Protein backbone atom coordinates (compact mmCIF):
# COMPACT_ATOMS: atom_id res chain seq x y z
CA MET A 1 143.07 81.76 72.27
CA LEU A 2 140.65 83.04 74.76
CA SER A 3 137.17 81.54 74.57
CA ARG A 4 134.58 84.17 73.61
CA SER A 5 132.22 82.87 76.24
CA LYS A 6 134.63 83.90 79.06
CA THR A 7 134.53 87.58 78.12
CA PRO A 8 131.22 89.52 77.97
CA THR A 9 130.83 90.94 74.47
CA LEU A 10 129.10 94.15 73.58
CA GLN A 11 126.29 92.11 72.02
CA SER A 12 125.76 90.17 75.31
CA LEU A 13 125.50 93.49 77.17
CA TYR A 14 122.87 94.62 74.66
CA VAL A 15 120.88 91.43 75.32
CA ILE A 16 121.02 91.99 79.13
CA LEU A 17 119.89 95.59 78.65
CA LYS A 18 117.13 94.50 76.38
CA LEU A 19 115.87 92.04 78.93
CA LYS A 20 115.94 94.75 81.57
CA PHE A 21 114.07 97.33 79.48
CA PHE A 22 111.53 95.13 77.73
CA SER A 23 110.74 92.43 80.26
CA THR A 24 107.32 92.58 81.99
CA ASN A 25 107.31 94.51 85.17
CA THR A 26 104.21 93.97 87.20
CA LYS A 27 104.49 97.32 88.86
CA ASN A 28 104.40 99.16 85.47
CA THR A 29 101.75 97.21 83.63
CA HIS A 30 99.23 100.04 83.80
CA GLN A 31 100.86 101.84 80.85
CA LYS A 32 102.58 100.40 77.81
CA LEU A 33 106.17 101.32 77.05
CA PRO A 34 106.65 103.93 74.29
CA THR A 35 107.23 102.17 71.01
CA LEU A 36 110.53 102.52 69.14
CA TYR A 37 109.20 101.63 65.73
CA LYS A 38 111.56 104.12 64.10
CA ILE A 39 114.53 102.13 65.18
CA PRO A 40 115.25 98.70 63.67
CA ALA A 41 114.80 96.02 66.37
CA LYS A 42 118.41 94.83 66.26
CA TYR A 43 119.66 98.39 67.02
CA ARG A 44 117.28 99.26 69.85
CA PRO A 45 119.46 98.01 72.76
CA GLN A 46 122.39 99.97 71.39
CA ALA A 47 120.22 103.00 70.92
CA ILE A 48 119.02 102.79 74.52
CA LEU A 49 122.60 102.51 75.89
CA GLN A 50 123.64 105.56 73.88
CA ALA A 51 120.57 107.47 75.07
CA GLN A 52 121.41 106.67 78.69
CA GLU A 53 124.91 107.92 78.21
CA VAL A 54 123.80 111.16 76.58
CA LEU A 55 121.17 111.69 79.27
CA THR A 56 123.72 111.15 82.01
CA ASP A 57 126.09 113.54 80.24
CA TYR A 58 123.28 116.13 79.89
CA PHE A 59 122.50 116.05 83.68
CA HIS A 60 126.18 116.10 84.62
CA ASN A 61 127.79 118.53 82.16
CA THR A 62 124.88 120.67 81.00
CA ARG A 63 122.80 120.75 84.25
CA SER A 64 125.80 120.52 86.59
CA LEU A 65 124.58 117.60 88.71
CA PRO A 66 127.14 115.41 90.41
CA PHE A 67 128.01 112.52 88.07
CA THR A 68 126.82 109.79 90.46
CA PHE A 69 123.35 111.34 90.68
CA ALA A 70 123.20 112.18 87.00
CA GLU A 71 123.97 108.51 86.29
CA TYR A 72 121.23 107.38 88.71
CA ILE A 73 118.69 109.47 86.79
CA GLY A 74 119.93 108.44 83.37
CA LYS A 75 119.84 104.73 84.12
CA ASN A 76 116.64 104.50 86.17
CA SER A 77 114.07 106.41 84.13
CA ARG A 78 112.95 103.77 81.67
CA PHE A 79 109.62 105.21 80.45
CA SER A 80 110.85 108.75 80.20
CA LEU A 81 113.91 107.72 78.36
CA LEU A 82 112.06 105.63 75.84
CA GLY A 83 109.58 108.46 75.37
CA LEU A 84 112.49 110.75 74.55
CA VAL A 85 114.19 108.19 72.19
CA SER A 86 110.93 107.62 70.31
CA LYS A 87 110.85 111.32 69.26
CA ILE A 88 114.28 111.33 67.65
CA PRO A 89 114.99 110.24 64.08
CA PHE A 90 117.43 107.23 64.20
CA SER A 91 120.71 107.12 62.43
CA ARG A 92 123.11 104.32 63.38
CA SER A 93 126.21 106.46 62.84
CA CYS A 94 125.19 109.66 64.59
CA PHE A 95 122.36 108.83 66.94
CA PRO A 96 124.09 110.20 70.06
CA ASN A 97 124.62 113.48 68.30
CA SER A 98 120.98 113.53 67.32
CA ILE A 99 119.94 113.10 70.97
CA GLN A 100 122.30 115.90 72.11
CA ARG A 101 120.88 118.25 69.41
CA PHE A 102 117.38 117.39 70.46
CA LEU A 103 118.07 118.11 74.08
CA ARG A 104 119.67 121.40 73.11
CA TYR A 105 116.58 122.72 71.41
CA HIS A 106 113.79 120.74 73.17
CA PRO A 107 114.07 121.14 77.01
CA ILE A 108 112.80 118.07 78.87
CA ASN A 109 110.90 118.01 82.10
CA GLU A 110 113.68 116.96 84.45
CA PHE A 111 111.30 116.27 87.29
CA GLU A 112 109.67 113.56 85.21
CA PHE A 113 112.99 111.73 84.81
CA PHE A 114 113.97 112.40 88.49
CA PHE A 115 110.68 111.00 89.98
CA GLU A 116 110.83 107.91 87.81
CA SER A 117 114.46 107.32 88.68
CA ILE A 118 113.73 107.32 92.45
CA GLY A 119 111.09 104.57 91.95
CA VAL A 120 107.81 106.38 91.43
CA ASN A 121 105.55 104.48 88.97
CA HIS A 122 105.43 106.43 85.70
CA VAL A 123 101.65 106.57 85.73
CA GLU A 124 101.73 108.35 89.14
CA ILE A 125 104.18 111.05 88.12
CA SER A 126 101.93 113.49 86.29
CA PRO A 127 100.18 114.88 89.37
CA MET A 128 103.59 115.46 91.03
CA LEU A 129 104.91 117.68 88.25
CA HIS A 130 104.95 121.45 88.56
CA THR A 131 102.84 123.35 86.03
CA ASN A 132 105.49 125.98 85.41
CA LYS A 133 108.77 124.35 86.39
CA CYS A 134 110.74 121.81 84.38
CA PHE A 135 114.34 122.12 85.63
CA LEU A 136 115.48 120.59 88.97
CA CYS A 137 117.25 123.79 89.86
CA GLU A 138 113.85 125.53 90.01
CA ASP A 139 112.93 123.45 93.07
CA SER A 140 116.33 122.32 94.35
CA LYS A 141 115.02 121.23 97.79
CA VAL A 142 113.59 118.04 96.34
CA PHE A 143 116.79 117.05 94.64
CA ASP A 144 118.98 118.17 97.58
CA ALA A 145 117.00 116.02 99.98
CA ALA A 146 117.34 113.02 97.68
CA CYS A 147 121.09 113.52 97.47
CA ALA A 148 121.42 113.75 101.24
CA LEU A 149 119.46 110.50 101.67
CA ALA A 150 121.48 108.77 99.00
CA CYS A 151 124.74 109.84 100.67
CA PHE A 152 123.49 108.26 103.86
CA GLY A 153 122.97 105.00 102.04
CA PHE A 154 119.36 105.00 100.85
CA PRO A 155 119.06 103.17 97.46
CA TRP A 156 118.32 105.86 94.93
CA ASN A 157 115.55 103.85 93.23
CA LYS A 158 113.71 103.38 96.55
CA LEU A 159 113.52 106.99 97.48
CA GLY A 160 110.10 107.07 95.80
CA ILE A 161 108.78 105.03 98.76
CA LEU A 162 109.69 107.96 101.02
CA TYR A 163 108.26 110.51 98.62
CA LYS A 164 104.91 108.78 98.31
CA GLY A 165 104.82 107.91 102.01
CA GLN A 166 105.76 111.33 103.36
CA VAL A 167 106.27 114.06 100.81
CA SER A 168 107.34 116.52 103.46
CA ILE A 169 110.71 114.71 103.73
CA PHE A 170 111.68 116.27 100.46
CA SER A 171 111.04 119.80 101.71
CA LYS A 172 113.50 119.51 104.57
CA GLU A 173 117.08 120.77 104.56
CA PRO A 174 119.84 118.12 104.11
CA CYS A 175 121.32 119.01 107.47
CA GLU A 176 117.91 118.44 109.19
CA LEU A 177 117.64 115.00 107.52
CA ARG A 178 121.18 114.06 108.55
CA TYR A 179 120.56 115.16 112.11
CA ARG A 180 117.36 113.06 112.40
CA LEU A 181 119.08 110.06 110.89
CA SER A 182 121.89 110.35 113.44
CA LEU A 183 119.32 110.40 116.24
CA PHE A 184 117.89 107.07 115.02
CA GLU A 185 121.32 105.55 115.11
CA GLN A 186 121.66 106.52 118.76
CA TYR A 187 119.01 103.94 119.56
CA GLY A 188 121.60 101.31 118.68
CA PHE A 189 120.71 100.67 115.06
CA GLY A 190 123.26 100.55 112.30
CA ASN A 191 123.07 102.44 109.08
CA VAL A 192 121.39 99.70 107.04
CA ALA A 193 118.77 99.09 109.80
CA VAL A 194 117.92 102.85 110.01
CA ILE A 195 117.34 102.86 106.23
CA GLY A 196 115.01 99.90 106.41
CA ILE A 197 113.08 101.41 109.28
CA CYS A 198 112.68 104.73 107.57
CA LEU A 199 111.44 103.08 104.33
CA ALA A 200 108.88 101.16 106.29
CA PHE A 201 107.94 104.15 108.45
CA PRO A 202 108.44 107.29 106.35
CA HIS A 203 106.75 109.46 108.87
CA VAL A 204 109.77 109.21 111.20
CA LEU A 205 111.74 111.29 108.76
CA GLY A 206 108.95 113.63 107.67
CA GLY A 207 107.07 114.18 110.89
CA THR A 208 107.14 117.47 112.75
CA SER A 209 108.45 118.11 116.23
CA GLY A 210 105.00 117.37 117.56
CA PHE A 211 105.35 113.67 116.50
CA LEU A 212 108.68 113.22 118.34
CA ASP A 213 106.98 111.37 121.32
CA GLU A 214 105.27 109.02 118.89
CA ILE A 215 108.50 108.44 117.04
CA ASP A 216 110.27 107.79 120.33
CA MET A 217 107.66 105.19 121.32
CA LEU A 218 108.07 103.49 117.94
CA PHE A 219 111.77 103.24 118.25
CA ASP A 220 111.42 101.95 121.87
CA ASP A 221 109.32 99.11 120.40
CA LEU A 222 111.75 98.50 117.52
CA LYS A 223 114.71 98.50 119.94
CA ARG A 224 112.92 96.01 122.17
CA VAL A 225 112.09 93.55 119.42
CA PHE A 226 115.24 93.88 117.25
CA LEU A 227 117.92 94.39 119.91
CA ASP A 228 116.62 93.12 123.24
CA PHE A 229 114.98 90.06 121.74
CA ASP A 230 117.65 89.75 118.99
CA LEU A 231 115.37 89.70 115.99
CA ALA A 232 118.15 91.62 114.26
CA SER A 233 120.14 88.38 114.07
CA GLU A 234 117.49 86.89 111.84
CA VAL A 235 117.76 89.75 109.34
CA GLU A 236 120.19 89.64 106.49
CA GLY A 237 122.44 92.62 106.44
CA ASN A 238 120.90 94.49 103.52
CA VAL A 239 118.31 97.14 103.07
CA ASP A 240 115.78 95.00 101.38
CA ALA A 241 115.74 92.44 104.22
CA TRP A 242 115.33 95.16 106.88
CA PHE A 243 112.65 96.92 104.83
CA GLU A 244 110.75 93.65 104.42
CA ILE A 245 110.77 92.71 108.09
CA CYS A 246 109.97 96.29 109.15
CA ARG A 247 106.97 96.25 106.82
CA LYS A 248 105.66 93.21 108.69
CA VAL A 249 106.08 95.09 111.96
CA ALA A 250 104.26 98.06 110.47
CA ILE A 251 101.21 95.88 109.73
CA PHE A 252 100.39 95.75 113.43
CA TYR A 253 100.54 99.50 113.81
CA GLU A 254 98.36 99.94 110.72
CA LEU A 255 95.80 97.68 112.51
CA GLY A 256 95.73 100.21 115.34
CA CYS A 257 98.11 98.59 117.93
CA GLU A 258 99.49 101.32 120.18
CA LYS A 259 103.11 102.31 119.69
CA GLY A 260 105.25 101.80 122.74
CA LYS A 261 103.02 99.04 124.10
CA ILE A 262 103.67 95.99 121.85
CA GLY A 263 107.48 95.83 121.66
CA GLU A 264 107.80 93.01 124.18
CA LEU A 265 104.82 91.14 122.77
CA MET A 266 106.39 91.30 119.32
CA GLY A 267 109.78 90.28 120.71
CA ARG A 268 108.47 87.25 122.44
CA ASN A 269 106.76 86.10 119.29
CA LYS A 270 109.37 87.17 116.76
CA SER A 271 108.84 84.02 114.73
CA ILE A 272 105.87 85.83 113.15
CA PHE A 273 108.19 88.18 111.35
CA VAL A 274 110.61 85.38 110.29
CA ASP A 275 108.31 82.50 109.24
CA TYR A 276 105.75 84.43 107.17
CA SER A 277 106.04 86.72 104.27
CA GLU A 278 104.33 90.07 104.33
CA GLU A 279 101.70 88.85 101.82
CA VAL A 280 100.88 85.69 103.78
CA LEU A 281 100.82 87.58 107.11
CA ALA A 282 98.48 90.23 105.68
CA GLN A 283 96.25 87.54 104.19
CA LYS A 284 95.93 85.53 107.45
CA ILE A 285 95.36 88.67 109.51
CA GLY A 286 92.72 89.71 106.93
CA PHE A 287 90.81 86.53 107.78
CA PHE A 288 90.19 87.76 111.28
CA CYS A 289 89.61 91.35 110.24
CA ARG A 290 86.70 90.13 108.09
CA LEU A 291 84.90 89.28 111.34
CA GLY A 292 84.15 92.96 111.68
CA VAL A 293 85.79 93.28 115.16
CA ARG A 294 88.26 96.04 116.09
CA LYS A 295 91.45 95.66 114.04
CA ALA A 296 93.67 96.44 117.04
CA GLU A 297 92.12 93.47 118.77
CA VAL A 298 92.98 91.27 115.75
CA GLY A 299 96.63 92.48 115.96
CA LEU A 300 96.85 91.63 119.67
CA LEU A 301 95.20 88.21 119.05
CA VAL A 302 97.82 87.30 116.41
CA LEU A 303 100.71 88.62 118.51
CA SER A 304 99.70 86.75 121.56
CA LYS A 305 98.71 83.56 119.82
CA PRO A 306 101.05 83.23 116.84
CA GLU A 307 100.28 79.53 116.34
CA ILE A 308 97.01 80.68 114.97
CA LEU A 309 98.80 81.69 111.77
CA SER A 310 99.84 78.07 111.09
CA PHE A 311 96.26 76.88 110.59
CA ASP A 312 94.83 76.47 107.07
CA LEU A 313 92.43 79.37 106.83
CA GLU A 314 91.74 79.01 103.07
CA ASP A 315 90.91 75.59 101.71
CA ARG A 316 89.43 73.44 104.40
CA VAL A 317 85.70 72.61 104.12
CA ILE A 318 83.46 73.23 107.11
CA SER A 319 79.86 72.41 108.00
CA THR A 320 78.24 75.52 109.51
CA VAL A 321 76.37 73.53 112.19
CA GLY A 322 79.37 71.27 112.89
CA PHE A 323 81.69 74.23 113.15
CA LEU A 324 79.41 76.07 115.63
CA LYS A 325 78.98 72.90 117.68
CA HIS A 326 82.83 72.46 117.67
CA PHE A 327 83.15 75.92 119.16
CA GLY A 328 80.64 75.16 121.94
CA MET A 329 77.25 76.33 120.78
CA GLY A 330 74.45 74.61 122.68
CA VAL A 331 71.93 72.25 121.07
CA ASN A 332 68.90 74.58 121.52
CA LYS A 333 70.79 77.59 120.12
CA LEU A 334 72.04 75.49 117.18
CA LYS A 335 68.42 74.43 116.36
CA LEU A 336 67.24 77.97 116.54
CA THR A 337 70.04 79.22 114.34
CA ALA A 338 69.36 76.55 111.70
CA GLN A 339 65.72 77.54 111.59
CA THR A 340 66.33 81.33 111.47
CA TYR A 341 69.24 81.37 109.01
CA GLN A 342 68.45 78.55 106.57
CA TYR A 343 70.47 80.12 103.74
CA ILE A 344 73.72 79.83 105.86
CA MET A 345 73.34 76.08 106.49
CA GLY A 346 75.32 73.42 104.70
CA ARG A 347 79.01 73.37 103.77
CA ASN A 348 81.32 76.17 103.01
CA ARG A 349 85.09 76.97 102.81
CA ILE A 350 86.83 77.97 105.94
CA ALA A 351 87.98 81.17 104.19
CA ASN A 352 84.33 82.21 104.22
CA VAL A 353 83.82 81.55 107.96
CA PRO A 354 84.19 85.24 109.07
CA HIS A 355 81.24 86.24 106.87
CA VAL A 356 79.26 83.13 107.81
CA LEU A 357 79.54 84.30 111.39
CA ARG A 358 78.75 87.88 110.60
CA SER A 359 75.65 86.66 108.79
CA LEU A 360 74.61 84.92 111.97
CA ASP A 361 75.58 87.91 114.20
CA LEU A 362 78.00 85.67 115.94
CA SER A 363 81.36 87.19 115.07
CA GLU A 364 81.88 88.77 118.50
CA TRP A 365 80.99 85.50 120.18
CA PHE A 366 83.46 83.64 117.95
CA PHE A 367 86.26 86.20 118.45
CA ASP A 368 85.85 86.03 122.24
CA ARG A 369 86.23 82.29 122.02
CA LEU A 370 89.51 82.75 120.13
CA LYS A 371 90.77 85.35 122.63
CA TYR A 372 90.06 83.37 125.78
CA GLY A 373 91.74 80.08 124.98
CA GLY A 374 89.61 78.61 122.19
CA HIS A 375 91.97 79.49 119.29
CA GLY A 376 93.18 75.93 119.07
CA LEU A 377 89.68 74.81 118.09
CA LEU A 378 90.25 76.62 114.80
CA GLY A 379 93.05 74.25 113.90
CA SER A 380 91.50 71.05 115.31
CA TYR A 381 88.23 71.19 113.44
CA VAL A 382 87.61 68.40 110.92
CA ILE A 383 84.46 67.83 108.94
CA GLY A 384 82.92 64.34 108.62
CA SER A 385 83.08 62.76 105.15
CA VAL A 386 79.31 63.01 104.54
CA GLU A 387 78.45 65.65 107.12
CA ASP A 388 75.92 68.21 105.76
CA PHE A 389 76.33 67.08 102.15
CA ASP A 390 73.40 68.45 100.16
CA GLU A 391 72.62 66.20 97.16
CA ASP A 392 70.26 68.71 95.54
CA TYR A 393 73.00 71.34 95.68
CA ALA A 394 75.50 68.91 94.18
CA GLU A 395 73.15 67.99 91.37
CA GLN A 396 72.55 71.68 90.50
CA LEU A 397 76.26 72.30 90.64
CA GLN A 398 76.74 69.63 87.95
CA LYS A 399 74.19 71.37 85.79
CA ILE A 400 76.09 74.60 86.14
CA GLN A 401 79.27 72.86 85.02
CA ALA A 402 77.47 71.52 81.94
CA SER A 403 75.92 74.91 81.10
CA ARG A 404 77.16 77.32 78.41
CA THR A 405 78.61 79.78 81.00
CA PRO A 406 79.93 77.71 83.84
CA VAL A 407 82.70 80.10 84.86
CA TYR A 408 80.41 83.12 84.90
CA THR A 409 77.81 81.31 87.07
CA ARG A 410 80.42 79.82 89.37
CA ARG A 411 81.79 83.32 90.09
CA LYS A 412 78.30 84.45 91.09
CA LEU A 413 78.05 81.38 93.29
CA SER A 414 81.43 82.16 94.85
CA PHE A 415 80.15 85.60 95.71
CA LEU A 416 77.22 84.11 97.64
CA HIS A 417 79.45 81.65 99.50
CA GLY A 418 81.84 84.51 100.19
CA ILE A 419 79.12 86.47 102.00
CA GLY A 420 78.20 83.38 104.04
CA PHE A 421 75.57 81.53 102.03
CA GLY A 422 76.10 77.74 102.41
CA GLU A 423 75.95 74.90 99.94
CA ASN A 424 72.18 74.39 100.00
CA ASN A 425 69.14 74.51 97.81
CA LEU A 426 68.07 78.00 98.92
CA THR A 427 71.41 79.41 97.83
CA MET A 428 70.83 77.98 94.38
CA LYS A 429 67.40 79.63 94.21
CA VAL A 430 68.95 82.98 95.13
CA LEU A 431 71.65 82.39 92.50
CA SER A 432 69.00 81.86 89.78
CA GLN A 433 67.60 85.38 90.41
CA LEU A 434 70.95 87.21 90.43
CA HIS A 435 72.09 89.04 87.33
CA GLY A 436 75.57 90.50 86.69
CA PRO A 437 79.21 89.37 87.14
CA GLY A 438 80.32 88.26 90.59
CA VAL A 439 82.60 91.28 90.87
CA GLU A 440 79.71 93.71 90.30
CA LEU A 441 77.41 91.83 92.70
CA GLN A 442 80.09 92.21 95.36
CA GLU A 443 80.35 95.89 94.56
CA ARG A 444 76.58 96.39 94.94
CA PHE A 445 76.60 94.37 98.22
CA ASP A 446 79.47 96.47 99.59
CA CYS A 447 77.58 99.65 98.57
CA LEU A 448 74.62 98.69 100.72
CA LEU A 449 76.91 97.90 103.62
CA CYS A 450 78.52 101.32 103.26
CA GLY A 451 75.12 102.82 103.13
CA GLY A 452 74.47 101.58 106.64
CA VAL A 453 72.76 98.22 106.21
CA ASN A 454 73.98 95.68 108.82
CA PHE A 455 75.79 92.63 107.35
CA SER A 456 73.40 90.14 108.90
CA THR A 457 70.37 92.24 107.92
CA LEU A 458 71.57 92.53 104.37
CA CYS A 459 72.05 88.76 104.01
CA ARG A 460 68.51 88.15 105.28
CA MET A 461 67.15 90.71 102.77
CA LEU A 462 69.07 89.04 99.99
CA SER A 463 67.73 85.59 100.92
CA VAL A 464 64.17 86.97 100.60
CA SER A 465 64.61 89.36 97.71
CA PRO A 466 67.69 88.57 95.62
CA LYS A 467 66.78 90.98 92.85
CA ILE A 468 67.73 93.95 94.95
CA LEU A 469 71.29 93.32 93.72
CA ASN A 470 70.28 93.47 90.07
CA GLN A 471 70.88 97.24 89.97
CA LYS A 472 73.89 99.50 89.64
CA ALA A 473 75.65 100.41 92.85
CA GLN A 474 75.00 104.14 92.29
CA ILE A 475 71.22 103.56 92.08
CA LEU A 476 71.30 101.46 95.29
CA GLU A 477 73.30 104.15 97.03
CA GLN A 478 70.73 106.83 96.07
CA LYS A 479 67.87 104.70 97.41
CA ILE A 480 69.53 103.85 100.65
CA LYS A 481 70.46 107.47 101.23
CA PHE A 482 66.87 108.64 100.64
CA LEU A 483 65.31 105.95 102.85
CA PHE A 484 67.73 106.18 105.76
CA LEU A 485 68.84 109.80 105.71
CA ASP A 486 65.85 111.69 104.26
CA MET A 487 62.98 109.50 105.50
CA GLY A 488 64.68 108.23 108.75
CA LEU A 489 63.77 104.65 107.94
CA SER A 490 65.15 101.93 110.29
CA GLN A 491 67.01 98.83 109.17
CA ASP A 492 64.19 96.65 110.61
CA GLU A 493 61.65 98.47 108.49
CA LEU A 494 63.72 97.94 105.32
CA CYS A 495 64.42 94.35 106.22
CA ALA A 496 60.64 93.74 106.57
CA PHE A 497 60.20 94.82 102.97
CA PRO A 498 63.56 94.56 101.15
CA ALA A 499 61.75 94.49 97.72
CA CYS A 500 61.23 98.19 98.26
CA LEU A 501 64.72 98.63 96.74
CA CYS A 502 63.53 97.15 93.45
CA TYR A 503 61.10 100.02 92.77
CA ASP A 504 61.97 103.15 90.89
CA LEU A 505 63.27 105.90 93.22
CA GLU A 506 62.11 108.92 91.28
CA LYS A 507 58.73 107.57 90.14
CA ARG A 508 57.58 105.44 93.03
CA ILE A 509 59.61 105.40 96.32
CA MET A 510 60.40 109.09 96.65
CA PRO A 511 57.03 110.67 95.81
CA ARG A 512 54.96 108.20 97.76
CA CYS A 513 57.15 108.33 100.86
CA GLN A 514 57.32 112.10 100.83
CA PHE A 515 53.57 112.34 100.26
CA HIS A 516 52.90 110.00 103.18
CA ARG A 517 55.13 112.08 105.43
CA TRP A 518 53.22 115.22 104.26
CA LEU A 519 49.92 113.62 105.15
CA ARG A 520 51.17 112.81 108.61
CA GLU A 521 52.47 116.36 109.07
CA GLN A 522 49.03 117.72 108.17
CA ASP A 523 47.37 115.34 110.61
CA TRP A 524 45.27 114.07 107.71
CA CYS A 525 46.43 110.49 108.17
CA PRO A 526 46.04 108.94 111.60
CA TYR A 527 47.92 105.75 110.69
CA GLU A 528 51.65 105.05 110.14
CA TYR A 529 51.52 102.79 107.14
CA SER A 530 54.21 100.21 106.60
CA LEU A 531 56.81 100.66 103.86
CA ALA A 532 55.19 97.87 101.83
CA SER A 533 51.74 99.60 102.05
CA ILE A 534 53.19 102.87 100.94
CA VAL A 535 55.40 101.66 98.01
CA ALA A 536 54.03 98.36 96.78
CA THR A 537 50.31 99.18 96.62
CA SER A 538 48.98 99.47 93.04
CA ASP A 539 48.14 102.91 91.70
CA LYS A 540 44.41 102.26 91.90
CA MET A 541 44.50 101.10 95.54
CA PHE A 542 46.80 103.95 96.43
CA MET A 543 44.40 106.49 94.99
CA ASP A 544 41.48 104.86 96.75
CA ARG A 545 43.33 105.01 100.06
CA ILE A 546 44.33 108.64 99.90
CA SER A 547 40.80 109.53 98.77
CA ASP A 548 39.49 107.91 101.93
CA ILE A 549 42.08 109.69 104.03
CA HIS A 550 41.08 113.19 102.93
CA PRO A 551 39.02 114.50 99.89
CA ASP A 552 41.75 117.03 99.02
CA ALA A 553 44.55 114.47 99.13
CA PRO A 554 44.33 113.28 95.44
CA LYS A 555 44.62 116.84 94.11
CA LYS A 556 47.63 117.55 96.34
CA TRP A 557 49.19 114.31 95.22
CA PHE A 558 48.88 115.20 91.45
CA ASP A 559 49.85 118.83 91.95
CA CYS A 560 52.90 118.45 94.19
CA PHE A 561 54.21 114.89 94.34
CA PHE A 562 53.27 112.85 91.29
CA LYS A 563 56.27 112.69 88.83
CA GLU A 564 54.32 111.65 85.63
CA LYS A 565 51.84 114.46 85.23
CA HIS A 566 51.80 114.11 81.47
CA SER A 567 51.53 110.36 81.18
CA THR A 568 48.24 108.77 79.82
CA VAL A 569 47.79 106.83 83.11
CA ALA A 570 48.21 109.97 85.12
CA LYS A 571 45.63 111.87 83.12
CA GLN A 572 43.16 108.97 83.38
CA SER A 573 43.69 108.70 87.10
CA MET A 574 43.30 112.45 87.64
CA SER A 575 40.09 112.55 85.59
CA HIS A 576 38.64 109.66 87.51
CA HIS A 577 39.35 111.15 90.87
CA GLN A 578 38.08 114.61 89.82
CA THR A 579 34.85 112.95 88.78
CA SER A 580 34.68 111.15 92.10
CA LEU A 581 35.32 114.38 94.06
CA GLY A 582 32.63 116.19 91.95
CA LYS A 583 30.06 113.66 92.90
């Protein structure tokens, strides 16, 4: 007798299918699978198999699609298929007939099944659908292009990469796509290589004739690195391997490196594309991008000095002073830096070094050291066992660990270290005044950066007035926009009084600043008051000041600028000043 284990049974196929359809897929976790509560659990794999077969038959026999493509759609549209199955009453004996009958009287949106089958995430499909078209024959160009690409060898379930990368590909005629693919082969690349290249650089298939020079320069680079320097011998002969390594090449173009100029440099340092995964490569390149220098310069640094990627850029501990000294900063400059930027001093992780240097306005200096021969210093730095160890910081860190919310507080502390604050007592003082999760604090910090505040300036502001981050990002954005764009304030003026951002925009900052500008325009006020004098002065002192500036100023303030005309305080103030003016 034959052993059952040697022959796959129908039940084992159901198990495999069940694993495929119900296992967690990280790319589709944004939306839950439709539930099949109408179908008993033990019959669900069988029901899905039957639904796949009926759907394939529908696309082939009813909609006249070639069987191969009909099967691709039927077997690669998981969410859409389960959504269809969930609507149909289940009967073990005639479920396929029920599906057929349902399709006969309830037309499906074929584009939804098609887009999912080519690899588009189901949650991204809705904006791609036509409002008044549901059959593939109503927009056959999309399907015809997909068929032409599949016939060339493109994996059907990866065509979504092309669609999302360059949608114009799917508006081209099949003959045009075949012609362009044949041109790429003339550079000396095989069928599989061309597919991998196109998936990594979709614009080469979708670009217009105006981009042909750019495409030619790209392929010159690729020919140089893959063929002349034989990187192709390091690539396994399948589409996934070519796509993966081409994606790593694409990183450098995305950084801004010029096409047609870096082929030889990539070829001479091809180990970059073999030894590191795309994720690791992007992570290490991101370290240098955080310095705030030109990204194209970062790309050239990595390509010309690939050994820099082998350094630990994540977990090593550094001393800010020791690190700067290691890179050649003089004693006097070190002393001045330590006095000026006390919040940066102490220890930190090397992963935070880019922002430490930006906080010190030294990122350009550091990057120049890396470019001109000092990159090895990044790997040779070692901190002393007790160097810059802050006992007060360590003691407060233990208190955090023993508190009721250690994780919450540690995340806020990680935010501070991440923007360059060191392990010191001042950092702990800043931490005690910050409110909100670490993620939100980072969002507010980034909002101020995007608003035009320099990184170094913002860190100094935060060290003096931490509470500026205890507001929603949208509120900070409005305040920065008003002060910089409407009032023409400089960064230095804001840095001199960062607490200005803690005041109410509508009730304090905006009316007082606008009123001061009006006074200057009328030549009533001979002095240019500081931001602190304008915003932080108490109501009583403010009224006394403007009364001294001009006798009509208080009335103008209440009539045109003051935002709380009906408040008790306002009425009292107005009455007091009217009495004063009467006298």
